[in-house]
Amino acid sequence: MVLGDEYRACVAVKAGKPGDSLPESEFKIPGGRYYCHRLRNFVSEPQKIGTLIDELVKRSDFDHFRPIVEYYRGHDELSNRLPVI
């Protein structure tokens, strides 16, 4: 997840399981609308991720107050979720 200039790694905590053993405090991804863009085969050209994000944040409906979420769907597919208004 990208929050401002900070990149954060996230994990899902199962219901009923405390996150006490995790090194950081809990953070919940804010709800709302997200534009989803899938990027396949990104491992061979990782620079595509940064280029894509640079283009996505130029959208007029980009919500600067919520984080961009990267969701890795296996080893060859990345789903970038851009918060939109």
N, C-alpha and C. Protein backbone atom coordinates (compact mmCIF):
# COMPACT_ATOMS: atom_id res chain seq x y z
N MET A 1 0.84 -1.15 0.00
CA MET A 1 0.00 0.00 0.00
C MET A 1 0.90 1.23 0.00
N VAL A 2 0.52 2.22 -0.76
CA VAL A 2 1.27 3.46 -0.81
C VAL A 2 0.44 4.52 -0.09
N LEU A 3 1.02 5.11 0.95
CA LEU A 3 0.34 6.12 1.75
C LEU A 3 1.25 7.34 1.79
N GLY A 4 0.94 8.35 0.97
CA GLY A 4 1.84 9.50 0.85
C GLY A 4 3.11 9.05 0.17
N ASP A 5 4.25 9.30 0.79
CA ASP A 5 5.53 8.86 0.26
C ASP A 5 5.99 7.56 0.92
N GLU A 6 5.12 6.92 1.66
CA GLU A 6 5.48 5.74 2.43
C GLU A 6 4.85 4.49 1.83
N TYR A 7 5.65 3.43 1.68
CA TYR A 7 5.16 2.14 1.19
C TYR A 7 4.99 1.22 2.39
N ARG A 8 3.78 0.68 2.57
CA ARG A 8 3.51 -0.19 3.71
C ARG A 8 3.10 -1.58 3.23
N ALA A 9 3.62 -2.59 3.87
CA ALA A 9 3.20 -3.96 3.59
C ALA A 9 2.03 -4.27 4.52
N CYS A 10 1.06 -5.00 4.03
CA CYS A 10 -0.13 -5.30 4.82
C CYS A 10 -0.41 -6.80 4.81
N VAL A 11 -1.02 -7.25 5.87
CA VAL A 11 -1.48 -8.63 5.97
C VAL A 11 -2.90 -8.61 6.51
N ALA A 12 -3.64 -9.63 6.18
CA ALA A 12 -4.99 -9.75 6.71
C ALA A 12 -4.93 -10.53 8.01
N VAL A 13 -5.61 -10.03 9.03
CA VAL A 13 -5.69 -10.71 10.32
C VAL A 13 -7.05 -11.40 10.37
N LYS A 14 -7.04 -12.70 10.62
CA LYS A 14 -8.29 -13.46 10.66
C LYS A 14 -9.16 -12.98 11.81
N ALA A 15 -10.46 -13.01 11.59
CA ALA A 15 -11.42 -12.60 12.62
C ALA A 15 -11.20 -13.43 13.88
N GLY A 16 -11.19 -12.75 15.01
CA GLY A 16 -11.01 -13.42 16.29
C GLY A 16 -9.57 -13.67 16.66
N LYS A 17 -8.64 -13.34 15.78
CA LYS A 17 -7.22 -13.53 16.06
C LYS A 17 -6.58 -12.17 16.33
N PRO A 18 -5.98 -11.97 17.48
CA PRO A 18 -5.36 -10.68 17.76
C PRO A 18 -4.10 -10.48 16.92
N GLY A 19 -3.83 -9.24 16.58
CA GLY A 19 -2.64 -8.92 15.82
C GLY A 19 -1.48 -8.51 16.69
N ASP A 20 -1.48 -8.97 17.96
CA ASP A 20 -0.45 -8.57 18.92
C ASP A 20 0.97 -8.93 18.49
N SER A 21 1.12 -10.00 17.73
CA SER A 21 2.46 -10.43 17.34
C SER A 21 2.99 -9.67 16.13
N LEU A 22 2.17 -8.82 15.54
CA LEU A 22 2.61 -8.05 14.38
C LEU A 22 3.46 -6.87 14.84
N PRO A 23 4.47 -6.48 14.05
CA PRO A 23 5.39 -5.42 14.49
C PRO A 23 4.82 -4.01 14.49
N GLU A 24 3.80 -3.75 13.72
CA GLU A 24 3.24 -2.40 13.64
C GLU A 24 1.81 -2.39 14.14
N SER A 25 1.29 -1.19 14.33
CA SER A 25 -0.10 -1.07 14.75
C SER A 25 -1.02 -1.42 13.59
N GLU A 26 -2.27 -1.70 13.92
CA GLU A 26 -3.24 -2.05 12.89
C GLU A 26 -3.63 -0.82 12.07
N PHE A 27 -3.91 -1.06 10.80
CA PHE A 27 -4.39 -0.03 9.90
C PHE A 27 -5.43 -0.68 9.01
N LYS A 28 -6.57 -0.06 8.90
CA LYS A 28 -7.62 -0.61 8.02
C LYS A 28 -7.65 0.21 6.74
N ILE A 29 -7.71 -0.50 5.63
CA ILE A 29 -7.81 0.17 4.33
C ILE A 29 -9.18 0.84 4.27
N PRO A 30 -9.20 2.15 4.01
CA PRO A 30 -10.48 2.86 3.96
C PRO A 30 -11.39 2.34 2.86
N GLY A 31 -12.67 2.32 3.14
CA GLY A 31 -13.65 1.91 2.15
C GLY A 31 -13.82 2.98 1.08
N GLY A 32 -14.72 2.73 0.19
CA GLY A 32 -14.99 3.67 -0.89
C GLY A 32 -14.70 3.05 -2.24
N ARG A 33 -14.78 3.86 -3.26
CA ARG A 33 -14.57 3.38 -4.63
C ARG A 33 -13.08 3.33 -4.96
N TYR A 34 -12.70 2.28 -5.69
CA TYR A 34 -11.33 2.12 -6.16
C TYR A 34 -11.37 1.72 -7.64
N TYR A 35 -10.52 2.35 -8.43
CA TYR A 35 -10.34 1.95 -9.82
C TYR A 35 -9.30 0.82 -9.80
N CYS A 36 -9.59 -0.28 -10.46
CA CYS A 36 -8.70 -1.43 -10.45
C CYS A 36 -8.04 -1.61 -11.82
N HIS A 37 -6.73 -1.74 -11.82
CA HIS A 37 -5.97 -2.00 -13.04
C HIS A 37 -5.08 -3.21 -12.80
N ARG A 38 -5.22 -4.22 -13.62
CA ARG A 38 -4.41 -5.43 -13.47
C ARG A 38 -3.19 -5.35 -14.37
N LEU A 39 -2.07 -5.72 -13.82
CA LEU A 39 -0.80 -5.74 -14.54
C LEU A 39 -0.27 -7.17 -14.49
N ARG A 40 -0.17 -7.78 -15.66
CA ARG A 40 0.32 -9.16 -15.73
C ARG A 40 1.79 -9.19 -16.11
N ASN A 41 2.47 -10.25 -15.70
CA ASN A 41 3.88 -10.47 -16.03
C ASN A 41 4.77 -9.29 -15.60
N PHE A 42 4.48 -8.71 -14.46
CA PHE A 42 5.24 -7.55 -13.98
C PHE A 42 6.64 -7.92 -13.48
N VAL A 43 6.86 -9.19 -13.17
CA VAL A 43 8.14 -9.62 -12.61
C VAL A 43 9.28 -9.38 -13.60
N SER A 44 9.03 -9.60 -14.87
CA SER A 44 10.08 -9.43 -15.88
C SER A 44 10.39 -7.95 -16.15
N GLU A 45 9.45 -7.07 -15.85
CA GLU A 45 9.66 -5.63 -16.05
C GLU A 45 9.07 -4.85 -14.86
N PRO A 46 9.72 -4.92 -13.70
CA PRO A 46 9.16 -4.28 -12.50
C PRO A 46 9.01 -2.76 -12.61
N GLN A 47 9.76 -2.12 -13.49
CA GLN A 47 9.65 -0.68 -13.66
C GLN A 47 8.27 -0.27 -14.17
N LYS A 48 7.54 -1.22 -14.74
CA LYS A 48 6.19 -0.92 -15.22
C LYS A 48 5.26 -0.51 -14.08
N ILE A 49 5.53 -1.02 -12.88
CA ILE A 49 4.68 -0.70 -11.73
C ILE A 49 4.72 0.79 -11.44
N GLY A 50 5.93 1.35 -11.32
CA GLY A 50 6.07 2.78 -11.04
C GLY A 50 5.51 3.64 -12.15
N THR A 51 5.76 3.25 -13.39
CA THR A 51 5.24 3.99 -14.54
C THR A 51 3.72 4.00 -14.53
N LEU A 52 3.12 2.85 -14.23
CA LEU A 52 1.66 2.75 -14.18
C LEU A 52 1.09 3.64 -13.08
N ILE A 53 1.68 3.59 -11.89
CA ILE A 53 1.19 4.42 -10.77
C ILE A 53 1.30 5.90 -11.13
N ASP A 54 2.42 6.30 -11.73
CA ASP A 54 2.59 7.70 -12.15
C ASP A 54 1.48 8.14 -13.08
N GLU A 55 1.04 7.26 -13.96
CA GLU A 55 -0.05 7.59 -14.89
C GLU A 55 -1.40 7.60 -14.18
N LEU A 56 -1.64 6.61 -13.31
CA LEU A 56 -2.93 6.52 -12.64
C LEU A 56 -3.22 7.73 -11.75
N VAL A 57 -2.21 8.25 -11.05
CA VAL A 57 -2.47 9.37 -10.14
C VAL A 57 -2.76 10.67 -10.88
N LYS A 58 -2.63 10.67 -12.19
CA LYS A 58 -2.98 11.86 -12.99
C LYS A 58 -4.48 11.92 -13.27
N ARG A 59 -5.19 10.85 -12.95
CA ARG A 59 -6.65 10.85 -13.19
C ARG A 59 -7.31 11.97 -12.40
N SER A 60 -8.30 12.59 -12.99
CA SER A 60 -8.98 13.71 -12.34
C SER A 60 -9.81 13.27 -11.14
N ASP A 61 -10.19 11.98 -11.08
CA ASP A 61 -11.00 11.50 -9.97
C ASP A 61 -10.18 10.81 -8.88
N PHE A 62 -8.85 10.91 -8.93
CA PHE A 62 -7.98 10.31 -7.92
C PHE A 62 -8.22 10.97 -6.57
N ASP A 63 -8.44 10.15 -5.54
CA ASP A 63 -8.66 10.64 -4.18
C ASP A 63 -7.31 10.62 -3.44
N HIS A 64 -6.71 11.79 -3.28
CA HIS A 64 -5.39 11.93 -2.66
C HIS A 64 -5.38 11.63 -1.16
N PHE A 65 -6.56 11.50 -0.56
CA PHE A 65 -6.63 11.32 0.89
C PHE A 65 -6.67 9.85 1.32
N ARG A 66 -6.77 8.95 0.36
CA ARG A 66 -6.77 7.51 0.67
C ARG A 66 -5.58 6.86 -0.03
N PRO A 67 -5.11 5.73 0.49
CA PRO A 67 -3.91 5.09 -0.07
C PRO A 67 -4.19 4.32 -1.36
N ILE A 68 -3.15 4.19 -2.17
CA ILE A 68 -3.17 3.31 -3.32
C ILE A 68 -2.85 1.91 -2.80
N VAL A 69 -3.59 0.91 -3.26
CA VAL A 69 -3.40 -0.46 -2.77
C VAL A 69 -2.87 -1.33 -3.91
N GLU A 70 -1.78 -2.04 -3.64
CA GLU A 70 -1.25 -3.04 -4.58
C GLU A 70 -1.61 -4.40 -4.01
N TYR A 71 -2.29 -5.19 -4.81
CA TYR A 71 -2.70 -6.53 -4.37
C TYR A 71 -2.05 -7.54 -5.31
N TYR A 72 -1.13 -8.33 -4.78
CA TYR A 72 -0.42 -9.32 -5.58
C TYR A 72 -1.24 -10.58 -5.65
N ARG A 73 -1.67 -10.91 -6.86
CA ARG A 73 -2.50 -12.09 -7.10
C ARG A 73 -1.62 -13.19 -7.69
N GLY A 74 -0.78 -13.76 -6.87
CA GLY A 74 0.16 -14.78 -7.34
C GLY A 74 1.47 -14.14 -7.76
N HIS A 75 2.26 -14.89 -8.50
CA HIS A 75 3.59 -14.42 -8.88
C HIS A 75 3.62 -13.65 -10.18
N ASP A 76 2.50 -13.61 -10.90
CA ASP A 76 2.54 -12.97 -12.21
C ASP A 76 1.45 -11.94 -12.46
N GLU A 77 0.66 -11.62 -11.43
CA GLU A 77 -0.39 -10.63 -11.62
C GLU A 77 -0.47 -9.69 -10.42
N LEU A 78 -0.50 -8.42 -10.73
CA LEU A 78 -0.60 -7.37 -9.72
C LEU A 78 -1.85 -6.55 -10.00
N SER A 79 -2.66 -6.35 -8.98
CA SER A 79 -3.86 -5.54 -9.11
C SER A 79 -3.60 -4.22 -8.37
N ASN A 80 -3.52 -3.12 -9.11
CA ASN A 80 -3.36 -1.80 -8.52
C ASN A 80 -4.73 -1.20 -8.31
N ARG A 81 -5.00 -0.76 -7.11
CA ARG A 81 -6.31 -0.19 -6.78
C ARG A 81 -6.13 1.27 -6.38
N LEU A 82 -6.63 2.13 -7.22
CA LEU A 82 -6.48 3.57 -7.05
C LEU A 82 -7.77 4.12 -6.45
N PRO A 83 -7.69 4.81 -5.30
CA PRO A 83 -8.92 5.37 -4.72
C PRO A 83 -9.44 6.51 -5.60
N VAL A 84 -10.73 6.47 -5.87
CA VAL A 84 -11.35 7.51 -6.70
C VAL A 84 -12.56 8.09 -6.00
N ILE A 85 -12.89 9.29 -6.39
CA ILE A 85 -14.02 10.02 -5.80
C ILE A 85 -15.29 9.64 -6.54
